[in-house]
Amino acid sequence: MKKAIPIPPVYYPLWFLLKGLSMLPLPVLYVLADVMYVVVYHLIGYRKKVVLDNLRRAFPEKSEAELRRVAKDFYRQFADVAVETLRLRSMGREEMERRITFANQHLLDDLVRQGKTAITMGSHSCNWEWVLSAGAVQFGFPAAGIYKPLNNAFFDAFMLKARTHLGATLIKMKDTLRDFAANRNKPRVVAMLSDQTPLKSEITFWTTFLHQDTPFYVGAEKIAIRFNCPVLFLDVKRTSRGHYTLTFETIWDGTAPLATEADEYPITTLFARKLEASIRRSPADYLWTHKRWKHSKPQAA
């Protein structure tokens, strides 16, 4: 999807300001991130109550002092991701290749060579904004991502440009089924961020996740089964500031009978298990500012 979104002239100065900032090298932008951390965490306390509440629920075994250390580390990483996302708008292919390493790309390559559309189930861990562009640069085959347009037209247009300028394609969430039907025989990878909280009216599946009854979207699983798409979990590790290693783990090969547990969504269940293990490995790298457990599971009648 490359169609430009018209920007009202009143936003032109902000567009050029952000574009100019995005051209600064990351070491300079990290100075801005350090200042942002102090302002957001220490001065404003942006969503600090939400973050600490999420951490207390997810890690009841940790002391209050440990949880506050995780929270501080999270806000530092949060500021880094903000400037890294800004940098994406002007980042070149060579820099992206230096900063993102795929540990076992062959796992995905083999599937696409077989003529399949592979689905990756990712999350808001580390820097999720770089992942799709890194794939578009390094894979050698089409890389698309499912996205939900932002409510603000200006920021939606800016992020659309940032996310696609290195060759990635974006598919609106509402067009997902239509796109898979039209491209069912196209060898490619489609990335889905699968850890978001569904609207209450759209919840069809609950599982235990970080000690909580937690709803998950099941759209990726339904699409995978309908179109026989293999599914990979995408694990992201921060190796140093501005550098990440991405590893694929097979959830479903697209052909084998699905092993069912007590629940009816085994692909989504396995995704939740793998994501939980990833979060426990590095809690500060996950996005904690949203109310992940704002819905309560209905009691059985």
Protein backbone atom coordinates (compact mmCIF):
# COMPACT_ATOMS: atom_id res chain seq x y z
CA MET A 1 0.00 0.00 0.00
CA LYS A 2 1.76 3.13 -1.25
CA LYS A 3 -1.07 5.62 -1.77
CA ALA A 4 -0.19 8.94 -0.19
CA ILE A 5 -2.46 10.41 2.46
CA PRO A 6 -3.11 14.14 1.95
CA ILE A 7 -1.75 16.32 4.76
CA PRO A 8 -3.40 19.66 5.59
CA PRO A 9 -0.95 22.54 5.03
CA VAL A 10 -1.12 23.49 8.70
CA TYR A 11 0.87 20.32 9.45
CA TYR A 12 3.70 21.03 6.96
CA PRO A 13 6.03 22.63 9.56
CA LEU A 14 5.65 19.65 11.89
CA TRP A 15 6.22 17.22 9.00
CA PHE A 16 9.49 18.91 8.04
CA LEU A 17 10.57 19.18 11.69
CA LEU A 18 10.10 15.44 12.26
CA LYS A 19 11.72 14.63 8.93
CA GLY A 20 14.69 16.80 9.87
CA LEU A 21 15.04 15.19 13.30
CA SER A 22 14.84 11.75 11.71
CA MET A 23 17.95 12.54 9.68
CA LEU A 24 20.06 12.94 12.81
CA PRO A 25 22.31 9.96 13.58
CA LEU A 26 21.10 7.66 16.33
CA PRO A 27 23.88 8.59 18.81
CA VAL A 28 22.54 12.15 18.71
CA LEU A 29 18.94 10.99 18.98
CA TYR A 30 19.87 8.89 22.01
CA VAL A 31 20.84 12.09 23.81
CA LEU A 32 17.28 13.22 23.17
CA ALA A 33 16.04 9.83 24.46
CA ASP A 34 18.00 10.30 27.71
CA VAL A 35 16.30 13.65 28.26
CA MET A 36 12.94 12.16 27.31
CA TYR A 37 13.38 9.41 29.92
CA VAL A 38 13.92 11.97 32.70
CA VAL A 39 10.90 14.01 31.62
CA VAL A 40 8.53 11.09 30.99
CA TYR A 41 9.42 9.00 34.04
CA HIS A 42 10.66 11.39 36.70
CA LEU A 43 8.83 14.64 35.90
CA ILE A 44 5.55 13.69 34.22
CA GLY A 45 5.25 10.10 35.41
CA TYR A 46 3.51 9.13 32.15
CA ARG A 47 1.24 6.16 32.87
CA LYS A 48 3.50 5.13 35.74
CA LYS A 49 0.56 3.79 37.73
CA VAL A 50 -0.54 1.62 34.79
CA VAL A 51 2.99 0.32 34.23
CA LEU A 52 3.55 -0.59 37.87
CA ASP A 53 0.12 -2.19 38.16
CA ASN A 54 0.82 -4.33 35.09
CA LEU A 55 4.20 -5.36 36.46
CA ARG A 56 2.80 -6.25 39.89
CA ARG A 57 0.17 -8.48 38.30
CA ALA A 58 2.62 -10.10 35.88
CA PHE A 59 5.41 -10.70 38.41
CA PRO A 60 3.90 -11.26 41.87
CA GLU A 61 7.11 -13.01 42.91
CA LYS A 62 9.18 -9.81 42.54
CA SER A 63 9.67 -7.32 45.35
CA GLU A 64 8.49 -3.73 45.02
CA ALA A 65 12.11 -2.59 44.65
CA GLU A 66 12.65 -5.08 41.81
CA LEU A 67 9.48 -3.98 40.07
CA ARG A 68 10.49 -0.34 40.24
CA ARG A 69 13.89 -1.18 38.72
CA VAL A 70 12.12 -2.97 35.88
CA ALA A 71 9.84 0.06 35.44
CA LYS A 72 12.80 2.44 35.22
CA ASP A 73 14.53 0.20 32.69
CA PHE A 74 11.31 -0.01 30.71
CA TYR A 75 11.01 3.79 30.48
CA ARG A 76 14.62 4.03 29.28
CA GLN A 77 13.92 1.48 26.54
CA PHE A 78 10.59 3.20 25.79
CA ALA A 79 12.42 6.47 25.08
CA ASP A 80 14.94 4.63 22.90
CA VAL A 81 12.16 3.02 20.85
CA ALA A 82 10.56 6.44 20.36
CA VAL A 83 13.68 7.97 18.79
CA GLU A 84 14.45 4.78 16.88
CA THR A 85 10.97 4.92 15.37
CA LEU A 86 11.61 8.53 14.38
CA ARG A 87 14.95 7.51 12.84
CA LEU A 88 13.16 4.85 10.75
CA ARG A 89 11.75 7.62 8.53
CA SER A 90 15.21 8.40 7.14
CA MET A 91 17.14 5.19 7.85
CA GLY A 92 18.98 3.65 4.91
CA ARG A 93 19.17 0.00 3.95
CA GLU A 94 22.78 -0.45 5.07
CA GLU A 95 22.10 0.93 8.54
CA MET A 96 19.05 -1.30 8.93
CA GLU A 97 21.13 -4.34 8.00
CA ARG A 98 23.74 -3.39 10.61
CA ARG A 99 21.21 -3.00 13.37
CA ILE A 100 18.88 -5.97 12.77
CA THR A 101 20.19 -9.54 12.61
CA PHE A 102 18.01 -12.52 11.73
CA ALA A 103 19.47 -15.48 13.58
CA ASN A 104 17.78 -18.20 11.52
CA GLN A 105 16.31 -16.60 8.41
CA HIS A 106 16.62 -19.95 6.62
CA LEU A 107 13.54 -21.17 8.50
CA LEU A 108 11.44 -18.51 6.79
CA ASP A 109 13.32 -18.76 3.49
CA ASP A 110 12.52 -22.48 3.20
CA LEU A 111 8.80 -21.84 3.57
CA VAL A 112 8.70 -19.05 1.00
CA ARG A 113 10.79 -21.12 -1.47
CA GLN A 114 8.00 -23.69 -1.28
CA GLY A 115 5.66 -21.03 -2.63
CA LYS A 116 3.92 -20.38 0.68
CA THR A 117 2.71 -17.27 2.43
CA ALA A 118 4.19 -17.42 5.93
CA ILE A 119 2.65 -15.56 8.86
CA THR A 120 4.83 -14.25 11.66
CA MET A 121 3.18 -13.57 15.00
CA GLY A 122 5.08 -10.83 16.78
CA SER A 123 4.54 -8.54 19.75
CA HIS A 124 5.29 -5.13 21.20
CA SER A 125 8.69 -6.26 22.42
CA CYS A 126 11.93 -4.29 21.97
CA ASN A 127 11.62 -2.27 18.75
CA TRP A 128 8.65 -3.68 16.85
CA GLU A 129 8.68 -0.77 14.37
CA TRP A 130 11.95 -1.82 12.73
CA VAL A 131 11.07 -5.46 12.21
CA LEU A 132 9.01 -5.24 9.03
CA SER A 133 11.40 -2.83 7.32
CA ALA A 134 14.35 -5.07 8.24
CA GLY A 135 12.56 -7.96 6.56
CA ALA A 136 11.85 -5.93 3.44
CA VAL A 137 15.56 -5.07 3.23
CA GLN A 138 17.02 -8.51 3.95
CA PHE A 139 14.59 -11.22 2.85
CA GLY A 140 14.65 -10.96 -0.93
CA PHE A 141 10.89 -11.61 -1.16
CA PRO A 142 7.80 -9.48 -0.35
CA ALA A 143 7.28 -8.51 3.29
CA ALA A 144 3.90 -7.16 4.33
CA GLY A 145 2.44 -6.14 7.67
CA ILE A 146 -1.09 -5.82 9.01
CA TYR A 147 -1.77 -2.43 10.57
CA LYS A 148 -4.57 -0.38 12.02
CA PRO A 149 -4.56 3.25 10.81
CA LEU A 150 -3.97 5.86 13.49
CA ASN A 151 -6.81 8.18 14.41
CA ASN A 152 -4.73 11.28 13.70
CA ALA A 153 -4.37 11.71 9.93
CA PHE A 154 -1.02 13.51 10.19
CA PHE A 155 0.71 10.87 12.31
CA ASP A 156 -0.90 8.10 10.29
CA ALA A 157 0.60 9.56 7.11
CA PHE A 158 4.01 10.09 8.71
CA MET A 159 4.16 6.54 10.07
CA LEU A 160 2.91 5.10 6.79
CA LYS A 161 5.82 6.79 5.03
CA ALA A 162 8.30 5.66 7.68
CA ARG A 163 7.12 2.06 7.62
CA THR A 164 7.14 1.66 3.83
CA HIS A 165 10.06 3.70 2.51
CA LEU A 166 12.43 0.70 2.68
CA GLY A 167 10.11 -1.49 0.63
CA ALA A 168 7.63 -3.00 3.09
CA THR A 169 3.93 -3.18 2.24
CA LEU A 170 1.12 -2.41 4.68
CA ILE A 171 -2.32 -4.02 4.72
CA LYS A 172 -5.16 -2.38 6.61
CA MET A 173 -6.56 -4.70 9.27
CA LYS A 174 -10.03 -4.50 7.77
CA ASP A 175 -8.65 -5.64 4.39
CA THR A 176 -6.75 -8.68 5.74
CA LEU A 177 -9.11 -11.41 4.53
CA ARG A 178 -9.53 -9.81 1.11
CA ASP A 179 -5.76 -9.46 0.71
CA PHE A 180 -5.04 -13.10 1.62
CA ALA A 181 -7.74 -14.29 -0.78
CA ALA A 182 -6.30 -12.18 -3.62
CA ASN A 183 -2.70 -13.26 -2.92
CA ARG A 184 -3.20 -16.86 -1.78
CA ASN A 185 -0.55 -18.16 -4.20
CA LYS A 186 2.00 -15.40 -3.63
CA PRO A 187 5.22 -16.45 -1.83
CA ARG A 188 5.75 -13.84 0.88
CA VAL A 189 5.74 -13.16 4.61
CA VAL A 190 2.98 -11.30 6.42
CA ALA A 191 3.75 -9.91 9.88
CA MET A 192 1.07 -9.59 12.53
CA LEU A 193 1.40 -8.02 15.97
CA SER A 194 -0.72 -10.50 17.88
CA ASP A 195 -0.52 -9.35 21.50
CA GLN A 196 -2.99 -6.47 21.38
CA THR A 197 -6.11 -6.44 23.54
CA PRO A 198 -9.33 -7.08 21.59
CA LEU A 199 -12.35 -4.88 21.99
CA LYS A 200 -14.68 -6.38 24.57
CA SER A 201 -17.26 -7.11 21.86
CA GLU A 202 -14.64 -9.00 19.82
CA ILE A 203 -13.30 -11.32 22.53
CA THR A 204 -13.71 -15.00 21.64
CA PHE A 205 -10.71 -16.56 23.38
CA TRP A 206 -9.11 -16.39 26.83
CA THR A 207 -5.95 -18.02 28.13
CA THR A 208 -3.71 -17.72 31.17
CA PHE A 209 -0.94 -15.25 30.45
CA LEU A 210 1.43 -13.87 33.09
CA HIS A 211 -0.85 -15.19 35.85
CA GLN A 212 -3.91 -13.43 34.41
CA ASP A 213 -6.97 -14.50 32.45
CA THR A 214 -6.12 -12.70 29.21
CA PRO A 215 -8.00 -12.30 25.91
CA PHE A 216 -6.13 -12.54 22.60
CA TYR A 217 -7.07 -11.81 19.02
CA VAL A 218 -7.41 -15.06 17.05
CA GLY A 219 -7.40 -13.51 13.58
CA ALA A 220 -3.91 -14.77 12.71
CA GLU A 221 -4.91 -18.33 13.57
CA LYS A 222 -8.14 -18.18 11.57
CA ILE A 223 -6.33 -16.78 8.53
CA ALA A 224 -3.54 -19.37 8.81
CA ILE A 225 -5.95 -22.30 8.91
CA ARG A 226 -8.18 -20.97 6.15
CA PHE A 227 -5.28 -20.42 3.73
CA ASN A 228 -2.89 -23.15 5.02
CA CYS A 229 -0.24 -20.60 5.96
CA PRO A 230 2.63 -21.74 8.18
CA VAL A 231 2.98 -19.68 11.34
CA LEU A 232 6.20 -18.55 13.01
CA PHE A 233 6.70 -16.86 16.36
CA LEU A 234 9.07 -13.90 16.11
CA ASP A 235 11.30 -13.55 19.16
CA VAL A 236 13.18 -10.25 19.47
CA LYS A 237 16.21 -9.71 21.69
CA ARG A 238 17.99 -6.42 22.36
CA THR A 239 21.73 -7.14 22.09
CA SER A 240 22.90 -3.55 22.65
CA ARG A 241 21.50 -0.06 22.27
CA GLY A 242 19.99 0.13 18.79
CA HIS A 243 20.85 -3.46 17.88
CA TYR A 244 18.48 -6.43 17.86
CA THR A 245 18.55 -10.13 17.01
CA LEU A 246 15.39 -11.74 15.66
CA THR A 247 14.75 -15.47 15.86
CA PHE A 248 11.94 -17.48 14.27
CA GLU A 249 10.25 -20.37 16.06
CA THR A 250 7.78 -22.64 14.30
CA ILE A 251 4.25 -22.65 15.71
CA TRP A 252 2.54 -24.49 12.83
CA ASP A 253 3.91 -25.73 9.50
CA GLY A 254 0.62 -25.21 7.69
CA THR A 255 -0.05 -28.89 7.05
CA ALA A 256 0.23 -31.00 10.21
CA PRO A 257 -2.94 -31.68 12.21
CA LEU A 258 -3.26 -29.12 14.96
CA ALA A 259 -2.79 -30.50 18.46
CA THR A 260 -5.67 -29.19 20.52
CA GLU A 261 -5.67 -28.62 24.24
CA ALA A 262 -8.71 -27.81 26.34
CA ASP A 263 -9.02 -24.57 24.36
CA GLU A 264 -9.96 -24.33 20.72
CA TYR A 265 -7.16 -22.06 19.48
CA PRO A 266 -3.86 -24.01 19.72
CA ILE A 267 -1.86 -21.62 17.51
CA THR A 268 -2.82 -18.59 19.60
CA THR A 269 -2.26 -20.55 22.80
CA LEU A 270 1.28 -21.50 21.76
CA PHE A 271 1.95 -17.90 20.73
CA ALA A 272 0.91 -16.74 24.21
CA ARG A 273 3.23 -19.29 25.84
CA LYS A 274 6.21 -18.27 23.73
CA LEU A 275 5.53 -14.58 24.29
CA GLU A 276 5.32 -15.10 28.04
CA ALA A 277 8.71 -16.84 28.03
CA SER A 278 10.18 -13.95 26.04
CA ILE A 279 8.78 -11.35 28.45
CA ARG A 280 10.07 -13.24 31.49
CA ARG A 281 13.53 -13.29 29.95
CA SER A 282 13.62 -9.50 29.63
CA PRO A 283 10.63 -7.77 31.29
CA ALA A 284 11.81 -4.20 30.61
CA ASP A 285 11.73 -4.74 26.85
CA TYR A 286 7.96 -5.27 26.69
CA LEU A 287 5.41 -2.46 26.26
CA TRP A 288 3.70 -1.95 29.64
CA THR A 289 1.91 1.38 29.16
CA HIS A 290 -1.40 -0.09 28.01
CA LYS A 291 -4.07 -1.60 30.24
CA ARG A 292 -3.58 -5.18 29.07
CA TRP A 293 -6.01 -6.58 31.63
CA LYS A 294 -8.82 -4.05 31.43
CA HIS A 295 -11.38 -6.77 30.62
CA SER A 296 -12.49 -9.46 33.06
CA LYS A 297 -13.25 -12.99 31.96
CA PRO A 298 -16.96 -13.76 32.31
CA GLN A 299 -17.77 -16.21 35.06
CA ALA A 300 -19.07 -19.59 33.97
CA ALA A 301 -22.79 -19.94 34.44
